[in-house]
């Protein structure tokens, strides 16, 4: 039993990866699922389709690895955070589609709370902002629009982000639990105590009987129903995707920083064993909790990174596959100065403007698909630069020797990574293993099962593929950033 199965349930696909005793992947299976956009700015998933994709990929990964279920020592689950599901405890059936983290339908509810002066209380209690991004206002919306509030108050319904819903299904409805990292993204958890905050429940009109138990990231989460995989498999870890990548990148000391480039972009700076409350509209969040001891991070969340490349492919028809974006962008005229602000579902950190929408600036008669493709790639670097600037302002003692460790699908793009180093004026380290989200979940599960070493030795399992260093001068960098920030100001709704 020297293998670990990581279930990586993401925003656009579900993956299952089997890792060996050296934390190397030996089988990977991925399955995309449908995205629903019922209204502008609304994004939904079908929880049943997600469930089917998870079971299918897990079964196939075990088969591809030529293993029996009894060879799997533990399962680790990592997930898209904030995406909200409410289901019937008796039947296990969701009462509404899942409302995805990108969804902006509760913008008016958040504006009302801010108008009532609640934003300061929310930040002080949870480390978060009053924004539709988080689960709390999504819960209230589902209860009110599905006619489910009375059932929730009577304890007949259960709430969870995706990992909690999967755990419920995997254990045959026996375990209703979440982990500290996912709980810290709900607007309902007190960041200092890592317990549900009943004042926040009252403020957001969330009935307490809905809530799962909060556990460590590496803990006993029960076992899978034997009918799913042919034998019961222990579930030993759950962790939100960005925190999982932080662990996978071995960013386990204060001052270490990682950024994951998938559908969105999420940068986390390890801040130690006490939360740092941002003065620059970043998020304070739990990085991981092990044996009751917590590590905290500052996080900057960008809603659109790889999703902009998908837009270039699917909506614009400029490329046939995402991998073609680099080739097209390399053909851009360097004299053109096209800038894309990809606020398709609003602007994330540090702006937090739910009503902003995407815009392109600097078009001329010479501008074409290549220039727009380059603007798509550069938008990722520009947004990261905004996050890094805010992080350095909040934690000046940690900024002197920042090296950014990167992971996610976009880091295969040489053009993207080089521009990132250029615009940040900082080294960018790409590891050999770029899918760090699943790796972090696998490590925690394997650690709980006695396969992998303690956290202090995790660095030895991390290996560098390439370091990208800045190649442009300070003046050019300043000019580019000034154009970007002017474009952002023109895009903002207020």
Protein backbone atom coordinates (compact mmCIF):
# COMPACT_ATOMS: atom_id res chain seq x y z
CA UNK A 1 0.00 0.00 0.00
CA UNK A 2 2.53 2.58 -1.19
CA UNK A 3 0.27 4.51 -3.59
CA UNK A 4 -1.95 7.53 -3.06
CA UNK A 5 -4.90 8.64 -5.17
CA UNK A 6 -5.44 12.38 -5.55
CA UNK A 7 -8.88 13.58 -6.62
CA UNK A 8 -8.44 17.04 -8.14
CA UNK A 9 -11.88 18.49 -8.79
CA UNK A 10 -11.39 21.74 -10.72
CA UNK A 11 -13.52 24.42 -12.31
CA UNK A 12 -13.64 22.95 -15.81
CA UNK A 13 -12.60 19.33 -15.29
CA UNK A 14 -12.10 16.56 -12.77
CA UNK A 15 -8.83 14.68 -12.59
CA UNK A 16 -7.60 11.64 -10.74
CA UNK A 17 -3.86 11.05 -10.34
CA UNK A 18 -2.16 8.07 -8.73
CA UNK A 19 1.16 8.91 -7.02
CA UNK A 20 3.85 6.45 -5.97
CA UNK A 21 5.98 6.39 -2.82
CA UNK A 22 8.36 9.00 -4.29
CA UNK A 23 5.42 11.37 -5.00
CA UNK A 24 5.70 10.76 -8.75
CA UNK A 25 2.50 10.49 -10.83
CA UNK A 26 2.02 7.06 -12.39
CA UNK A 27 -1.46 7.48 -13.91
CA UNK A 28 -3.53 10.57 -14.76
CA UNK A 29 -7.11 10.71 -16.04
CA UNK A 30 -9.06 13.88 -16.77
CA UNK A 31 -12.65 14.57 -17.77
CA UNK A 32 -14.21 17.93 -18.60
CA UNK A 33 -17.78 18.80 -17.66
CA UNK A 34 -20.34 21.34 -18.78
CA UNK A 35 -20.40 24.99 -17.74
CA UNK A 36 -23.77 26.72 -17.44
CA UNK A 37 -24.26 30.48 -17.90
CA UNK A 38 -27.96 31.15 -17.23
CA UNK A 39 -27.48 34.94 -17.01
CA UNK A 40 -24.63 37.36 -17.72
CA UNK A 41 -22.12 37.01 -14.89
CA UNK A 42 -23.73 33.80 -13.60
CA UNK A 43 -21.83 30.48 -13.65
CA UNK A 44 -23.23 27.11 -12.55
CA UNK A 45 -22.20 23.44 -12.46
CA UNK A 46 -24.25 20.28 -12.27
CA UNK A 47 -23.13 18.52 -9.04
CA UNK A 48 -24.31 15.16 -10.38
CA UNK A 49 -22.12 15.53 -13.46
CA UNK A 50 -19.17 16.46 -11.25
CA UNK A 51 -19.82 13.39 -9.09
CA UNK A 52 -19.93 11.09 -12.12
CA UNK A 53 -16.71 12.58 -13.52
CA UNK A 54 -14.91 12.06 -10.20
CA UNK A 55 -15.93 8.40 -9.88
CA UNK A 56 -15.10 7.67 -13.52
CA UNK A 57 -11.66 9.28 -13.44
CA UNK A 58 -10.75 7.66 -10.11
CA UNK A 59 -11.72 4.19 -11.31
CA UNK A 60 -9.86 4.64 -14.60
CA UNK A 61 -6.71 6.00 -12.92
CA UNK A 62 -6.49 2.98 -10.62
CA UNK A 63 -6.95 0.70 -13.62
CA UNK A 64 -4.35 2.54 -15.71
CA UNK A 65 -1.85 2.28 -12.87
CA UNK A 66 -2.49 -1.49 -12.93
CA UNK A 67 -3.41 -1.45 -9.26
CA UNK A 68 -6.09 -2.92 -7.07
CA UNK A 69 -8.07 -0.71 -4.69
CA UNK A 70 -6.23 -2.41 -1.83
CA UNK A 71 -2.96 -0.99 -3.21
CA UNK A 72 -4.16 2.57 -2.51
CA UNK A 73 -3.14 3.62 0.99
CA UNK A 74 -5.17 6.82 1.03
CA UNK A 75 -7.17 9.33 -1.00
CA UNK A 76 -6.54 13.07 -0.90
CA UNK A 77 -9.19 15.45 -2.24
CA UNK A 78 -8.52 18.94 -3.56
CA UNK A 79 -11.14 21.15 -5.12
CA UNK A 80 -12.30 24.38 -6.66
CA UNK A 81 -13.06 26.54 -3.64
CA UNK A 82 -16.12 28.67 -2.81
CA UNK A 83 -18.34 26.79 -5.30
CA UNK A 84 -21.49 26.12 -3.30
CA UNK A 85 -23.73 23.04 -3.14
CA UNK A 86 -26.76 22.41 -0.91
CA UNK A 87 -28.33 18.96 -0.85
CA UNK A 88 -31.00 16.93 0.88
CA UNK A 89 -29.58 14.83 3.71
CA UNK A 90 -32.11 12.06 3.15
CA UNK A 91 -31.68 11.64 -0.60
CA UNK A 92 -28.26 13.20 -1.25
CA UNK A 93 -29.80 15.17 -4.12
CA UNK A 94 -28.81 18.82 -4.64
CA UNK A 95 -31.65 21.35 -4.35
CA UNK A 96 -30.07 23.59 -7.01
CA UNK A 97 -27.15 23.57 -9.38
CA UNK A 98 -23.82 24.44 -7.78
CA UNK A 99 -23.09 28.17 -7.87
CA UNK A 100 -19.48 28.54 -9.01
CA UNK A 101 -16.85 30.76 -7.39
CA UNK A 102 -16.80 32.95 -10.53
CA UNK A 103 -20.51 33.72 -10.22
CA UNK A 104 -21.48 37.35 -9.54
CA UNK A 105 -25.24 37.05 -8.93
CA UNK A 106 -24.98 38.14 -5.30
CA UNK A 107 -23.26 41.43 -6.12
CA UNK A 108 -26.33 43.41 -5.03
CA UNK A 109 -26.51 41.52 -1.73
CA UNK A 110 -22.84 42.31 -1.09
CA UNK A 111 -23.37 45.96 -1.99
CA UNK A 112 -26.24 46.09 0.51
CA UNK A 113 -24.03 44.64 3.24
CA UNK A 114 -21.30 47.14 2.47
CA UNK A 115 -23.87 49.93 2.59
CA UNK A 116 -24.89 48.76 6.05
CA UNK A 117 -21.27 48.96 7.22
CA UNK A 118 -20.68 45.21 7.41
CA UNK A 119 -17.48 45.08 5.35
CA UNK A 120 -15.19 46.00 8.25
CA UNK A 121 -16.75 43.33 10.47
CA UNK A 122 -16.43 40.71 7.76
CA UNK A 123 -12.76 41.51 7.16
CA UNK A 124 -11.92 41.51 10.88
CA UNK A 125 -13.66 38.19 11.53
CA UNK A 126 -12.89 36.22 8.38
CA UNK A 127 -9.93 37.91 6.67
CA UNK A 128 -12.07 38.15 3.53
CA UNK A 129 -13.91 40.86 1.65
CA UNK A 130 -17.63 41.35 1.17
CA UNK A 131 -17.72 39.96 -2.36
CA UNK A 132 -19.88 37.51 -4.38
CA UNK A 133 -16.77 35.34 -4.83
CA UNK A 134 -17.25 33.65 -1.46
CA UNK A 135 -19.77 31.02 -0.40
CA UNK A 136 -21.78 32.84 2.26
CA UNK A 137 -24.03 34.95 0.05
CA UNK A 138 -24.36 32.04 -2.41
CA UNK A 139 -25.82 29.88 0.37
CA UNK A 140 -28.47 32.46 1.20
CA UNK A 141 -29.35 32.90 -2.49
CA UNK A 142 -29.92 29.17 -3.00
CA UNK A 143 -32.05 28.86 0.15
CA UNK A 144 -34.23 31.78 -0.84
CA UNK A 145 -34.59 30.97 -4.55
CA UNK A 146 -35.02 27.20 -4.13
CA UNK A 147 -37.62 27.64 -1.40
CA UNK A 148 -35.36 25.68 0.92
CA UNK A 149 -34.81 27.93 3.91
CA UNK A 150 -37.29 26.19 6.24
CA UNK A 151 -35.84 22.76 5.42
CA UNK A 152 -32.36 24.10 6.12
CA UNK A 153 -33.42 25.52 9.48
CA UNK A 154 -34.93 22.13 10.37
CA UNK A 155 -31.65 20.33 9.66
CA UNK A 156 -32.89 18.50 6.57
CA UNK A 157 -30.32 20.02 4.21
CA UNK A 158 -26.52 20.06 4.10
CA UNK A 159 -24.15 22.70 2.73
CA UNK A 160 -20.71 22.12 1.37
CA UNK A 161 -18.16 23.33 -1.04
CA UNK A 162 -17.24 20.67 -3.58
CA UNK A 163 -14.92 18.61 -1.36
CA UNK A 164 -17.66 18.27 1.26
CA UNK A 165 -20.22 17.15 -1.31
CA UNK A 166 -17.76 14.59 -2.72
CA UNK A 167 -16.90 13.32 0.75
CA UNK A 168 -20.59 12.85 1.54
CA UNK A 169 -21.07 10.85 -1.65
CA UNK A 170 -17.81 8.88 -1.35
CA UNK A 171 -18.67 7.77 2.18
CA UNK A 172 -22.26 6.92 1.34
CA UNK A 173 -23.61 9.88 3.33
CA UNK A 174 -21.76 8.95 6.51
CA UNK A 175 -19.42 11.96 6.79
CA UNK A 176 -20.40 15.64 6.55
CA UNK A 177 -17.11 17.47 7.02
CA UNK A 178 -14.91 20.10 5.47
CA UNK A 179 -11.33 21.18 6.09
CA UNK A 180 -9.93 24.39 7.55
CA UNK A 181 -8.78 25.84 4.22
CA UNK A 182 -12.10 25.47 2.43
CA UNK A 183 -14.00 26.60 5.51
CA UNK A 184 -11.90 29.77 5.59
CA UNK A 185 -13.35 30.74 2.17
CA UNK A 186 -17.01 30.77 3.15
CA UNK A 187 -17.32 34.15 4.98
CA UNK A 188 -18.53 32.04 7.91
CA UNK A 189 -15.30 30.93 9.64
CA UNK A 190 -13.57 32.96 12.32
CA UNK A 191 -9.99 33.16 11.06
CA UNK A 192 -8.40 33.33 14.51
CA UNK A 193 -10.21 30.34 15.99
CA UNK A 194 -10.90 28.27 12.82
CA UNK A 195 -14.45 27.73 14.08
CA UNK A 196 -17.78 28.74 12.62
CA UNK A 197 -18.62 32.29 13.63
CA UNK A 198 -22.25 32.55 14.72
CA UNK A 199 -22.31 36.32 14.31
CA UNK A 200 -21.38 35.81 10.64
CA UNK A 201 -24.10 33.17 10.27
CA UNK A 202 -26.62 35.67 11.59
CA UNK A 203 -25.31 38.48 9.37
CA UNK A 204 -25.54 36.35 6.21
CA UNK A 205 -28.77 34.55 7.15
CA UNK A 206 -27.19 31.07 7.07
CA UNK A 207 -28.80 28.42 9.33
CA UNK A 208 -26.25 26.63 11.51
CA UNK A 209 -27.70 23.10 10.89
CA UNK A 210 -26.46 23.32 7.30
CA UNK A 211 -22.79 23.41 8.24
CA UNK A 212 -20.22 20.59 8.13
CA UNK A 213 -17.65 19.80 10.81
CA UNK A 214 -14.28 21.52 10.29
CA UNK A 215 -11.25 19.21 10.39
CA UNK A 216 -7.49 19.40 9.80
CA UNK A 217 -6.23 19.05 6.24
CA UNK A 218 -4.69 15.67 7.01
CA UNK A 219 -7.23 13.78 9.10
CA UNK A 220 -9.51 10.77 9.21
CA UNK A 221 -12.30 11.58 6.75
CA UNK A 222 -13.72 8.05 6.76
CA UNK A 223 -13.54 5.47 3.99
CA UNK A 224 -15.13 5.17 0.58
CA UNK A 225 -18.21 3.03 0.12
CA UNK A 226 -16.90 -0.35 -1.03
CA UNK A 227 -19.30 -0.42 -3.98
CA UNK A 228 -17.55 2.51 -5.69
CA UNK A 229 -14.10 1.01 -6.29
CA UNK A 230 -14.47 -2.62 -5.27
CA UNK A 231 -13.05 -2.07 -1.79
CA UNK A 232 -13.07 0.66 0.84
CA UNK A 233 -10.21 3.17 0.60
CA UNK A 234 -9.32 5.54 3.48
CA UNK A 235 -9.78 9.26 2.81
CA UNK A 236 -7.00 11.06 4.66
CA UNK A 237 -6.79 14.61 3.29
CA UNK A 238 -8.92 17.45 1.99
CA UNK A 239 -7.63 20.88 1.02
CA UNK A 240 -8.66 23.75 -1.24
CA UNK A 241 -6.89 23.81 -4.58
CA UNK A 242 -4.72 26.89 -4.04
CA UNK A 243 -3.62 25.80 -0.60
CA UNK A 244 -2.90 22.35 -2.04
CA UNK A 245 -0.63 23.95 -4.62
CA UNK A 246 1.10 25.89 -1.84
CA UNK A 247 1.89 22.60 -0.09
CA UNK A 248 2.84 20.92 -3.38
CA UNK A 249 5.27 23.76 -4.09
CA UNK A 250 6.83 23.23 -0.64
CA UNK A 251 6.02 26.83 0.31
CA UNK A 252 5.96 25.92 3.98
CA UNK A 253 8.06 28.75 5.42
CA UNK A 254 7.10 32.41 5.92
CA UNK A 255 8.02 34.53 2.90
CA UNK A 256 7.69 31.74 0.34
CA UNK A 257 5.25 32.43 -2.49
CA UNK A 258 3.52 30.47 -5.22
CA UNK A 259 1.15 31.37 -8.04
CA UNK A 260 -1.10 28.91 -9.84
CA UNK A 261 -2.19 29.65 -13.40
CA UNK A 262 -5.29 27.73 -14.33
CA UNK A 263 -8.74 29.09 -15.17
CA UNK A 264 -7.88 31.96 -12.84
CA UNK A 265 -4.66 32.93 -11.14
CA UNK A 266 -4.08 32.63 -7.42
CA UNK A 267 -0.96 33.86 -5.65
CA UNK A 268 -0.31 32.91 -2.02
CA UNK A 269 2.38 34.30 0.28
CA UNK A 270 3.07 32.27 3.42
CA UNK A 271 2.84 34.66 6.39
CA UNK A 272 3.49 32.36 9.34
CA UNK A 273 1.39 31.13 12.25
CA UNK A 274 -0.67 34.31 12.69
CA UNK A 275 -2.93 35.95 10.11
CA UNK A 276 -1.85 39.17 8.42
CA UNK A 277 -4.88 41.35 7.75
CA UNK A 278 -4.34 43.15 4.48
CA UNK A 279 -4.49 46.92 4.09
CA UNK A 280 -4.56 46.54 0.30
CA UNK A 281 -7.64 44.40 -0.31
CA UNK A 282 -5.88 41.04 -0.36
CA UNK A 283 -7.31 38.03 1.44
CA UNK A 284 -6.04 36.55 4.67
CA UNK A 285 -6.64 32.82 4.59
CA UNK A 286 -5.57 29.54 6.19
CA UNK A 287 -2.74 27.99 4.20
CA UNK A 288 -2.99 24.62 5.97
CA UNK A 289 -3.86 23.17 9.36
CA UNK A 290 -2.10 20.07 10.67
CA UNK A 291 -2.63 18.57 14.12
CA UNK A 292 -4.45 21.74 15.13
CA UNK A 293 -1.54 24.05 14.22
CA UNK A 294 -2.34 26.59 11.50
CA UNK A 295 -0.25 28.38 8.90
CA UNK A 296 -1.67 31.46 7.24
CA UNK A 297 -1.24 33.16 3.88
CA UNK A 298 -2.05 36.35 2.05
CA UNK A 299 -3.82 35.59 -1.20
CA UNK A 300 -4.51 37.53 -4.34
CA UNK A 301 -7.19 36.08 -6.59
CA UNK A 302 -7.47 36.81 -10.31
CA UNK A 303 -10.67 35.59 -11.90
CA UNK A 304 -9.38 35.20 -15.47
CA UNK A 305 -6.00 33.79 -16.53
CA UNK A 306 -6.20 30.59 -18.59
CA UNK A 307 -9.88 31.43 -19.16
CA UNK A 308 -8.68 34.32 -21.38
CA UNK A 309 -6.86 31.82 -23.60
CA UNK A 310 -10.05 29.74 -23.73
CA UNK A 311 -11.92 32.91 -24.77
CA UNK A 312 -9.36 33.47 -27.52
CA UNK A 313 -10.00 29.90 -28.70
CA UNK A 314 -13.74 29.45 -28.20
CA UNK A 315 -15.31 32.89 -28.55
CA UNK A 316 -12.83 34.58 -30.87
CA UNK A 317 -11.89 31.52 -32.93
CA UNK A 318 -8.34 32.87 -33.22
CA UNK A 319 -6.73 29.53 -32.33
CA UNK A 320 -7.81 25.90 -32.52
CA UNK A 321 -6.18 24.79 -29.27
CA UNK A 322 -4.85 26.62 -26.22
CA UNK A 323 -1.31 25.51 -27.03
CA UNK A 324 -1.39 27.66 -30.19
CA UNK A 325 -1.63 30.92 -28.21
CA UNK A 326 2.15 31.23 -27.85
CA UNK A 327 2.78 30.73 -31.54
CA UNK A 328 0.21 33.32 -32.52
CA UNK A 329 1.35 35.85 -29.91
CA UNK A 330 4.97 35.53 -31.05
CA UNK A 331 3.90 36.97 -34.42
CA UNK A 332 2.64 40.21 -32.86
CA UNK A 333 4.13 43.51 -34.02
CA UNK A 334 6.24 44.73 -31.06
CA UNK A 335 5.32 48.34 -31.92
CA UNK A 336 1.64 47.67 -31.25
CA UNK A 337 0.55 48.37 -27.67
CA UNK A 338 -2.71 46.44 -27.33
CA UNK A 339 -3.88 45.82 -23.76
CA UNK A 340 -6.64 43.43 -22.71
CA UNK A 341 -8.26 43.84 -19.30
CA UNK A 342 -9.98 40.43 -18.96
CA UNK A 343 -12.72 41.46 -16.54
CA UNK A 344 -15.20 39.02 -18.08
CA UNK A 345 -16.73 38.30 -14.65
CA UNK A 346 -15.45 41.39 -12.84
CA UNK A 347 -12.03 42.29 -11.48
CA UNK A 348 -10.50 40.35 -8.61
CA UNK A 349 -7.72 41.43 -6.26
CA UNK A 350 -6.70 44.05 -5.49
CA UNK A 351 -9.58 45.86 -7.21
CA UNK A 352 -12.61 43.71 -6.29
CA UNK A 353 -14.96 45.30 -8.79
CA UNK A 354 -17.83 42.89 -9.48
CA UNK A 355 -19.42 45.19 -12.08
CA UNK A 356 -16.32 45.77 -14.23
CA UNK A 357 -16.32 44.07 -17.64
CA UNK A 358 -13.57 43.20 -20.08
CA UNK A 359 -12.12 45.74 -22.49
CA UNK A 360 -9.41 46.03 -25.14
CA UNK A 361 -7.36 49.22 -25.47
CA UNK A 362 -4.83 50.48 -27.99
CA UNK A 363 -6.26 48.95 -31.16
CA UNK A 364 -5.04 50.40 -34.47
CA UNK A 365 -5.65 49.48 -38.13
CA UNK A 366 -2.57 47.27 -37.84
CA UNK A 367 -3.85 45.33 -34.84
CA UNK A 368 -4.94 41.77 -35.46
CA UNK A 369 -5.30 38.36 -33.90
CA UNK A 370 -1.59 38.13 -33.04
CA UNK A 371 -1.64 41.38 -31.10
CA UNK A 372 -4.76 40.35 -29.20
CA UNK A 373 -3.18 36.98 -28.40
CA UNK A 374 -0.12 38.73 -27.00
CA UNK A 375 -2.40 41.01 -24.96
CA UNK A 376 -4.13 37.92 -23.53
CA UNK A 377 -0.80 36.46 -22.40
CA UNK A 378 0.46 39.76 -21.02
CA UNK A 379 -2.76 40.33 -19.05
CA UNK A 380 -1.76 37.41 -16.82
CA UNK A 381 1.58 39.04 -15.98
CA UNK A 382 0.09 42.47 -15.44
CA UNK A 383 -2.53 41.15 -13.03
CA UNK A 384 0.14 39.22 -11.10
CA UNK A 385 2.20 42.42 -10.84
CA UNK A 386 -0.75 44.15 -9.19
CA UNK A 387 -0.98 41.31 -6.65
CA UNK A 388 2.74 41.32 -5.91
CA UNK A 389 2.76 45.08 -5.37
CA UNK A 390 -0.04 44.76 -2.81
CA UNK A 391 1.64 41.81 -1.05
CA UNK A 392 4.92 43.68 -0.74
CA UNK A 393 3.07 46.65 0.75
CA UNK A 394 1.37 44.41 3.35
CA UNK A 395 4.51 42.38 4.16
CA UNK A 396 7.55 44.57 3.41
CA UNK A 397 9.86 42.35 5.45
CA UNK A 398 9.13 39.39 3.17
CA UNK A 399 9.60 41.11 -0.18
CA UNK A 400 13.35 41.56 -0.47
CA UNK A 401 14.15 38.17 -1.98
CA UNK A 402 10.84 37.07 -3.45
CA UNK A 403 11.08 34.13 -5.84
CA UNK A 404 7.78 33.15 -7.38
CA UNK A 405 7.14 29.42 -7.74
CA UNK A 406 4.60 28.79 -10.48
CA UNK A 407 2.36 25.90 -11.46
CA UNK A 408 -0.78 25.13 -13.45
CA UNK A 409 -1.54 24.61 -17.11
CA UNK A 410 -0.30 28.01 -18.30
CA UNK A 411 3.26 27.60 -17.03
CA UNK A 412 4.09 25.46 -20.05
CA UNK A 413 3.98 28.70 -22.04
CA UNK A 414 7.54 30.03 -22.32
CA UNK A 415 6.25 33.40 -23.51
CA UNK A 416 3.93 33.78 -20.51
CA UNK A 417 6.61 32.84 -17.99
CA UNK A 418 9.24 35.14 -19.49
CA UNK A 419 6.84 38.08 -19.56
CA UNK A 420 5.93 37.30 -15.95
CA UNK A 421 9.58 37.54 -14.87
CA UNK A 422 10.02 40.71 -16.95
CA UNK A 423 7.05 42.58 -15.53
CA UNK A 424 7.58 41.42 -11.93
CA UNK A 425 11.31 42.18 -11.94
CA UNK A 426 11.70 38.93 -10.01
CA UNK A 427 12.80 35.36 -10.73
CA UNK A 428 10.09 32.89 -11.68
CA UNK A 429 10.78 29.23 -10.85
CA UNK A 430 8.97 26.54 -12.80
CA UNK A 431 9.26 23.10 -11.17
CA UNK A 432 9.60 19.84 -13.05
CA UNK A 433 6.21 18.78 -11.78
CA UNK A 434 3.81 21.58 -12.77
CA UNK A 435 0.51 20.11 -11.53
CA UNK A 436 1.09 20.97 -7.89
CA UNK A 437 -2.55 21.02 -6.78
CA UNK A 438 -2.97 17.25 -6.94
CA UNK A 439 0.56 16.78 -5.64
CA UNK A 440 -0.22 18.77 -2.49
CA UNK A 441 -3.36 16.75 -1.78
CA UNK A 442 -1.50 13.50 -2.41
CA UNK A 443 1.33 14.53 -0.11
CA UNK A 444 -1.02 15.32 2.78
CA UNK A 445 -2.92 12.04 2.37
CA UNK A 446 0.32 10.08 2.07
CA UNK A 447 1.79 11.86 5.07
CA UNK A 448 -1.24 10.85 7.13
CA UNK A 449 -0.80 7.27 5.88
CA UNK A 450 2.89 7.21 6.81
CA UNK A 451 4.22 7.15 3.22
CA UNK A 452 5.72 10.64 2.89
CA UNK A 453 8.04 12.59 5.23
CA UNK A 454 7.08 15.39 7.59
CA UNK A 455 6.51 18.90 6.27
CA UNK A 456 10.08 20.01 6.96
CA UNK A 457 11.46 17.46 4.49
CA UNK A 458 9.00 18.33 1.72
CA UNK A 459 11.50 20.65 0.01
CA UNK A 460 13.62 17.62 -0.91
CA UNK A 461 10.77 16.35 -3.08
CA UNK A 462 10.62 19.64 -5.05
CA UNK A 463 12.81 19.96 -8.18
CA UNK A 464 13.45 22.96 -10.46
CA UNK A 465 12.85 22.72 -14.19
CA UNK A 466 13.76 26.28 -15.22
CA UNK A 467 14.25 29.71 -13.67
CA UNK A 468 13.06 32.67 -15.75
CA UNK A 469 14.87 35.94 -14.99
CA UNK A 470 13.96 39.51 -16.03
CA UNK A 471 15.28 40.68 -19.40
CA UNK A 472 13.76 44.15 -19.73
CA UNK A 473 14.89 47.39 -18.09
CA UNK A 474 13.21 49.35 -15.34
CA UNK A 475 12.08 52.17 -17.64
CA UNK A 476 10.34 49.85 -20.09
CA UNK A 477 8.72 47.95 -17.23
CA UNK A 478 7.42 51.18 -15.71
CA UNK A 479 5.97 52.31 -19.07
CA UNK A 480 4.18 49.02 -19.60
CA UNK A 481 2.75 48.97 -16.08
CA UNK A 482 1.57 52.57 -16.43
CA UNK A 483 -0.33 51.70 -19.62
CA UNK A 484 -1.87 48.67 -17.93
CA UNK A 485 -3.00 50.57 -14.84
CA UNK A 486 -4.49 53.31 -16.98
CA UNK A 487 -6.47 50.66 -18.86
CA UNK A 488 -7.68 49.14 -15.58
CA UNK A 489 -8.89 52.52 -14.33
CA UNK A 490 -10.81 53.02 -17.56
CA UNK A 491 -12.42 49.59 -17.15
CA UNK A 492 -13.52 49.92 -13.54
CA UNK A 493 -17.18 50.54 -12.78
CA UNK A 494 -16.48 53.03 -9.97
